[in-house]
C-alpha atoms as a PDB file:
ATOM      1  CA  UNK A   1     215.487 140.453 120.580  1.00  0.00           C
ATOM      2  CA  UNK A   2     216.396 136.823 120.000  1.00  0.00           C
ATOM      3  CA  UNK A   3     214.719 136.436 116.628  1.00  0.00           C
ATOM      4  CA  UNK A   4     216.006 138.569 113.780  1.00  0.00           C
ATOM      5  CA  UNK A   5     214.110 139.127 110.548  1.00  0.00           C
ATOM      6  CA  UNK A   6     216.521 138.539 107.646  1.00  0.00           C
ATOM      7  CA  UNK A   7     215.158 141.594 105.823  1.00  0.00           C
ATOM      8  CA  UNK A   8     216.666 143.787 108.550  1.00  0.00           C
ATOM      9  CA  UNK A   9     220.151 142.681 107.424  1.00  0.00           C
ATOM     10  CA  UNK A  10     219.690 144.356 104.020  1.00  0.00           C
ATOM     11  CA  UNK A  11     220.571 147.703 105.606  1.00  0.00           C
ATOM     12  CA  UNK A  12     223.614 146.338 107.504  1.00  0.00           C
ATOM     13  CA  UNK A  13     224.443 144.457 110.680  1.00  0.00           C
ATOM     14  CA  UNK A  14     221.741 144.131 113.323  1.00  0.00           C
ATOM     15  CA  UNK A  15     222.501 144.687 117.001  1.00  0.00           C
ATOM     16  CA  UNK A  16     220.913 142.164 119.309  1.00  0.00           C
ATOM     17  CA  UNK A  17     220.301 142.624 123.002  1.00  0.00           C
ATOM     18  CA  UNK A  18     218.050 140.905 125.484  1.00  0.00           C
ATOM     19  CA  UNK A  19     217.585 140.230 129.147  1.00  0.00           C
ATOM     20  CA  UNK A  20     215.962 136.915 129.922  1.00  0.00           C
ATOM     21  CA  UNK A  21     214.575 136.100 133.352  1.00  0.00           C
ATOM     22  CA  UNK A  22     216.269 133.319 135.296  1.00  0.00           C
ATOM     23  CA  UNK A  23     213.056 131.276 135.121  1.00  0.00           C
ATOM     24  CA  UNK A  24     212.610 131.699 131.349  1.00  0.00           C
ATOM     25  CA  UNK A  25     211.304 128.469 129.747  1.00  0.00           C
ATOM     26  CA  UNK A  26     214.302 128.545 127.376  1.00  0.00           C
ATOM     27  CA  UNK A  27     216.545 127.431 130.264  1.00  0.00           C
ATOM     28  CA  UNK A  28     214.286 124.728 131.785  1.00  0.00           C
ATOM     29  CA  UNK A  29     215.891 121.756 129.988  1.00  0.00           C
ATOM     30  CA  UNK A  30     219.374 122.823 131.153  1.00  0.00           C
ATOM     31  CA  UNK A  31     218.771 121.967 134.831  1.00  0.00           C
ATOM     32  CA  UNK A  32     220.881 124.965 135.847  1.00  0.00           C
ATOM     33  CA  UNK A  33     219.853 127.173 138.771  1.00  0.00           C
ATOM     34  CA  UNK A  34     220.225 130.738 137.561  1.00  0.00           C
ATOM     35  CA  UNK A  35     220.570 133.370 140.296  1.00  0.00           C
ATOM     36  CA  UNK A  36     220.249 136.369 137.986  1.00  0.00           C
ATOM     37  CA  UNK A  37     218.781 137.261 134.592  1.00  0.00           C
ATOM     38  CA  UNK A  38     220.786 136.353 131.497  1.00  0.00           C
ATOM     39  CA  UNK A  39     222.012 139.472 129.721  1.00  0.00           C
ATOM     40  CA  UNK A  40     222.843 139.135 126.054  1.00  0.00           C
ATOM     41  CA  UNK A  41     224.550 141.567 123.673  1.00  0.00           C
ATOM     42  CA  UNK A  42     225.601 140.854 120.117  1.00  0.00           C
ATOM     43  CA  UNK A  43     225.644 141.718 116.452  1.00  0.00           C
ATOM     44  CA  UNK A  44     224.395 139.698 113.485  1.00  0.00           C
ATOM     45  CA  UNK A  45     226.102 140.125 110.087  1.00  0.00           C
ATOM     46  CA  UNK A  46     225.387 138.729 106.649  1.00  0.00           C
ATOM     47  CA  UNK A  47     228.427 136.628 105.713  1.00  0.00           C
ATOM     48  CA  UNK A  48     227.713 135.606 102.137  1.00  0.00           C
ATOM     49  CA  UNK A  49     224.944 133.746 100.369  1.00  0.00           C
ATOM     50  CA  UNK A  50     222.802 131.919 102.956  1.00  0.00           C
ATOM     51  CA  UNK A  51     225.340 132.524 105.757  1.00  0.00           C
ATOM     52  CA  UNK A  52     224.938 134.752 108.783  1.00  0.00           C
ATOM     53  CA  UNK A  53     227.501 135.318 111.510  1.00  0.00           C
ATOM     54  CA  UNK A  54     226.520 136.264 115.041  1.00  0.00           C
ATOM     55  CA  UNK A  55     229.059 137.447 117.610  1.00  0.00           C
ATOM     56  CA  UNK A  56     227.778 138.128 121.091  1.00  0.00           C
ATOM     57  CA  UNK A  57     228.305 137.732 124.796  1.00  0.00           C
ATOM     58  CA  UNK A  58     226.215 136.584 127.719  1.00  0.00           C
ATOM     59  CA  UNK A  59     226.430 137.375 131.425  1.00  0.00           C
ATOM     60  CA  UNK A  60     224.578 135.883 134.388  1.00  0.00           C
ATOM     61  CA  UNK A  61     225.038 134.289 137.820  1.00  0.00           C
ATOM     62  CA  UNK A  62     224.518 130.629 138.671  1.00  0.00           C
ATOM     63  CA  UNK A  63     223.440 129.382 142.115  1.00  0.00           C
ATOM     64  CA  UNK A  64     224.895 126.193 143.508  1.00  0.00           C
ATOM     65  CA  UNK A  65     226.549 124.514 146.473  1.00  0.00           C
ATOM     66  CA  UNK A  66     230.240 124.592 147.270  1.00  0.00           C
ATOM     67  CA  UNK A  67     231.674 121.232 146.307  1.00  0.00           C
ATOM     68  CA  UNK A  68     233.789 121.123 149.470  1.00  0.00           C
ATOM     69  CA  UNK A  69     231.616 122.544 152.289  1.00  0.00           C
ATOM     70  CA  UNK A  70     228.102 122.546 150.745  1.00  0.00           C
ATOM     71  CA  UNK A  71     227.566 126.261 151.479  1.00  0.00           C
ATOM     72  CA  UNK A  72     225.288 128.081 149.025  1.00  0.00           C
ATOM     73  CA  UNK A  73     227.251 130.103 146.498  1.00  0.00           C
ATOM     74  CA  UNK A  74     226.490 132.211 143.423  1.00  0.00           C
ATOM     75  CA  UNK A  75     229.088 132.280 140.651  1.00  0.00           C
ATOM     76  CA  UNK A  76     229.369 134.784 137.820  1.00  0.00           C
ATOM     77  CA  UNK A  77     229.174 133.213 134.364  1.00  0.00           C
ATOM     78  CA  UNK A  78     230.295 134.963 131.197  1.00  0.00           C
ATOM     79  CA  UNK A  79     230.784 133.661 127.677  1.00  0.00           C
ATOM     80  CA  UNK A  80     231.617 135.022 124.269  1.00  0.00           C
ATOM     81  CA  UNK A  81     229.545 133.558 121.475  1.00  0.00           C
ATOM     82  CA  UNK A  82     230.568 133.078 117.848  1.00  0.00           C
ATOM     83  CA  UNK A  83     227.895 131.329 115.814  1.00  0.00           C
ATOM     84  CA  UNK A  84     227.358 130.749 112.123  1.00  0.00           C
ATOM     85  CA  UNK A  85     223.802 130.265 110.865  1.00  0.00           C
ATOM     86  CA  UNK A  86     223.917 128.689 107.442  1.00  0.00           C
ATOM     87  CA  UNK A  87     221.745 127.186 104.745  1.00  0.00           C
ATOM     88  CA  UNK A  88     224.734 125.157 103.481  1.00  0.00           C
ATOM     89  CA  UNK A  89     224.582 121.596 104.903  1.00  0.00           C
ATOM     90  CA  UNK A  90     228.336 121.103 104.304  1.00  0.00           C
ATOM     91  CA  UNK A  91     229.184 123.974 106.671  1.00  0.00           C
ATOM     92  CA  UNK A  92     227.401 122.255 109.561  1.00  0.00           C
ATOM     93  CA  UNK A  93     230.494 120.183 110.380  1.00  0.00           C
ATOM     94  CA  UNK A  94     231.711 123.156 112.434  1.00  0.00           C
ATOM     95  CA  UNK A  95     230.387 122.814 116.027  1.00  0.00           C
ATOM     96  CA  UNK A  96     229.635 126.559 116.089  1.00  0.00           C
ATOM     97  CA  UNK A  97     227.280 126.249 113.093  1.00  0.00           C
ATOM     98  CA  UNK A  98     223.511 126.114 113.242  1.00  0.00           C
ATOM     99  CA  UNK A  99     221.234 124.979 110.407  1.00  0.00           C
ATOM    100  CA  UNK A 100     219.001 127.451 108.658  1.00  0.00           C
ATOM    101  CA  UNK A 101     216.201 126.398 106.311  1.00  0.00           C
ATOM    102  CA  UNK A 102     216.506 127.563 102.675  1.00  0.00           C
ATOM    103  CA  UNK A 103     213.217 129.438 102.938  1.00  0.00           C
ATOM    104  CA  UNK A 104     213.946 130.930 106.380  1.00  0.00           C
ATOM    105  CA  UNK A 105     212.762 134.489 106.945  1.00  0.00           C
ATOM    106  CA  UNK A 106     214.274 134.887 110.382  1.00  0.00           C
ATOM    107  CA  UNK A 107     217.126 133.629 112.536  1.00  0.00           C
ATOM    108  CA  UNK A 108     216.398 132.319 116.015  1.00  0.00           C
ATOM    109  CA  UNK A 109     219.384 132.971 118.286  1.00  0.00           C
ATOM    110  CA  UNK A 110     217.942 130.988 121.225  1.00  0.00           C
ATOM    111  CA  UNK A 111     219.578 127.601 120.411  1.00  0.00           C
ATOM    112  CA  UNK A 112     223.023 129.210 120.321  1.00  0.00           C
ATOM    113  CA  UNK A 113     222.364 131.108 123.541  1.00  0.00           C
ATOM    114  CA  UNK A 114     221.116 128.004 125.375  1.00  0.00           C
ATOM    115  CA  UNK A 115     224.074 125.894 124.197  1.00  0.00           C
ATOM    116  CA  UNK A 116     226.696 128.505 125.054  1.00  0.00           C
ATOM    117  CA  UNK A 117     225.196 129.073 128.498  1.00  0.00           C
ATOM    118  CA  UNK A 118     225.324 125.356 129.236  1.00  0.00           C
ATOM    119  CA  UNK A 119     228.968 125.206 128.137  1.00  0.00           C
ATOM    120  CA  UNK A 120     229.896 128.258 130.233  1.00  0.00           C
ATOM    121  CA  UNK A 121     228.433 126.997 133.523  1.00  0.00           C
ATOM    122  CA  UNK A 122     231.154 125.420 135.672  1.00  0.00           C
ATOM    123  CA  UNK A 123     230.662 121.758 136.518  1.00  0.00           C
ATOM    124  CA  UNK A 124     231.556 122.370 140.183  1.00  0.00           C
ATOM    125  CA  UNK A 125     231.753 125.529 142.227  1.00  0.00           C
ATOM    126  CA  UNK A 126     233.611 126.351 145.426  1.00  0.00           C
ATOM    127  CA  UNK A 127     232.832 129.150 147.853  1.00  0.00           C
ATOM    128  CA  UNK A 128     236.496 130.166 147.864  1.00  0.00           C
ATOM    129  CA  UNK A 129     239.729 128.635 146.628  1.00  0.00           C
ATOM    130  CA  UNK A 130     241.053 127.882 150.130  1.00  0.00           C
ATOM    131  CA  UNK A 131     237.820 126.206 151.317  1.00  0.00           C
ATOM    132  CA  UNK A 132     238.750 123.421 153.768  1.00  0.00           C
ATOM    133  CA  UNK A 133     235.469 121.530 153.326  1.00  0.00           C
ATOM    134  CA  UNK A 134     233.767 119.259 155.844  1.00  0.00           C
ATOM    135  CA  UNK A 135     235.346 116.806 158.287  1.00  0.00           C
ATOM    136  CA  UNK A 136     234.855 113.313 156.807  1.00  0.00           C
ATOM    137  CA  UNK A 137     234.152 111.920 160.313  1.00  0.00           C
ATOM    138  CA  UNK A 138     231.854 114.362 162.066  1.00  0.00           C
ATOM    139  CA  UNK A 139     230.753 116.621 159.183  1.00  0.00           C
ATOM    140  CA  UNK A 140     231.758 119.908 160.855  1.00  0.00           C
ATOM    141  CA  UNK A 141     232.634 122.791 158.555  1.00  0.00           C
ATOM    142  CA  UNK A 142     236.430 123.053 158.816  1.00  0.00           C
ATOM    143  CA  UNK A 143     236.327 126.679 157.641  1.00  0.00           C
ATOM    144  CA  UNK A 144     234.878 127.568 161.083  1.00  0.00           C
ATOM    145  CA  UNK A 145     237.796 125.910 162.872  1.00  0.00           C
ATOM    146  CA  UNK A 146     239.118 122.465 163.777  1.00  0.00           C
ATOM    147  CA  UNK A 147     236.558 119.821 164.665  1.00  0.00           C
ATOM    148  CA  UNK A 148     238.406 117.973 167.441  1.00  0.00           C
ATOM    149  CA  UNK A 149     238.376 114.581 165.749  1.00  0.00           C
ATOM    150  CA  UNK A 150     241.633 112.644 166.173  1.00  0.00           C
ATOM    151  CA  UNK A 151     243.791 112.564 163.062  1.00  0.00           C
ATOM    152  CA  UNK A 152     243.100 109.642 160.784  1.00  0.00           C
ATOM    153  CA  UNK A 153     245.644 106.849 161.082  1.00  0.00           C
ATOM    154  CA  UNK A 154     247.136 105.541 157.876  1.00  0.00           C
ATOM    155  CA  UNK A 155     246.499 101.754 157.813  1.00  0.00           C
ATOM    156  CA  UNK A 156     249.872 101.194 156.170  1.00  0.00           C
ATOM    157  CA  UNK A 157     251.563 102.102 159.484  1.00  0.00           C
ATOM    158  CA  UNK A 158     249.589  99.560 161.598  1.00  0.00           C
ATOM    159  CA  UNK A 159     252.270  96.803 161.453  1.00  0.00           C
ATOM    160  CA  UNK A 160     254.836  99.242 162.836  1.00  0.00           C
ATOM    161  CA  UNK A 161     252.431 100.518 165.490  1.00  0.00           C
ATOM    162  CA  UNK A 162     251.961  96.925 166.684  1.00  0.00           C
ATOM    163  CA  UNK A 163     255.714  96.742 167.378  1.00  0.00           C
ATOM    164  CA  UNK A 164     255.675  99.877 169.491  1.00  0.00           C
ATOM    165  CA  UNK A 165     256.389  99.139 173.127  1.00  0.00           C
ATOM    166  CA  UNK A 166     257.588  95.549 172.546  1.00  0.00           C
ATOM    167  CA  UNK A 167     261.107  94.753 173.773  1.00  0.00           C
ATOM    168  CA  UNK A 168     263.855  94.301 171.243  1.00  0.00           C
ATOM    169  CA  UNK A 169     265.760  91.052 171.083  1.00  0.00           C
END
């Protein structure tokens, strides 16, 4: 239930819960590969004249590639959501506020859900914290063992290396 009829709030807070498929059209513009459905739980309260406060949480898994070794990885994503839906244009300065038309009969929670999901997804993922990545020369996965490439020489040491083996005066 991502759209709440405002008349339901006359008898008290309204619990919201939903499970959206990973391929739901709501998430298409995000360009995020979801590996699991998005589970949403929350509660919507009336918070004064023309103001409604929604507190909820979302849980899902995101599919991606390890930034270091390019292995496929799925990462758990969780976020707590605090959103204010208001008819007062002055209250919209708060980044957690969403506009609500004066004649609105329902609140659509989808914009808040989409925005909070996008903010919760990590920019980069790693398969594990101690991932060694790929060899920059041959491309072998260093998590499987050493690649056999000679160690890279630091070009700052080349002038000294040129002196090696020359007789001293």
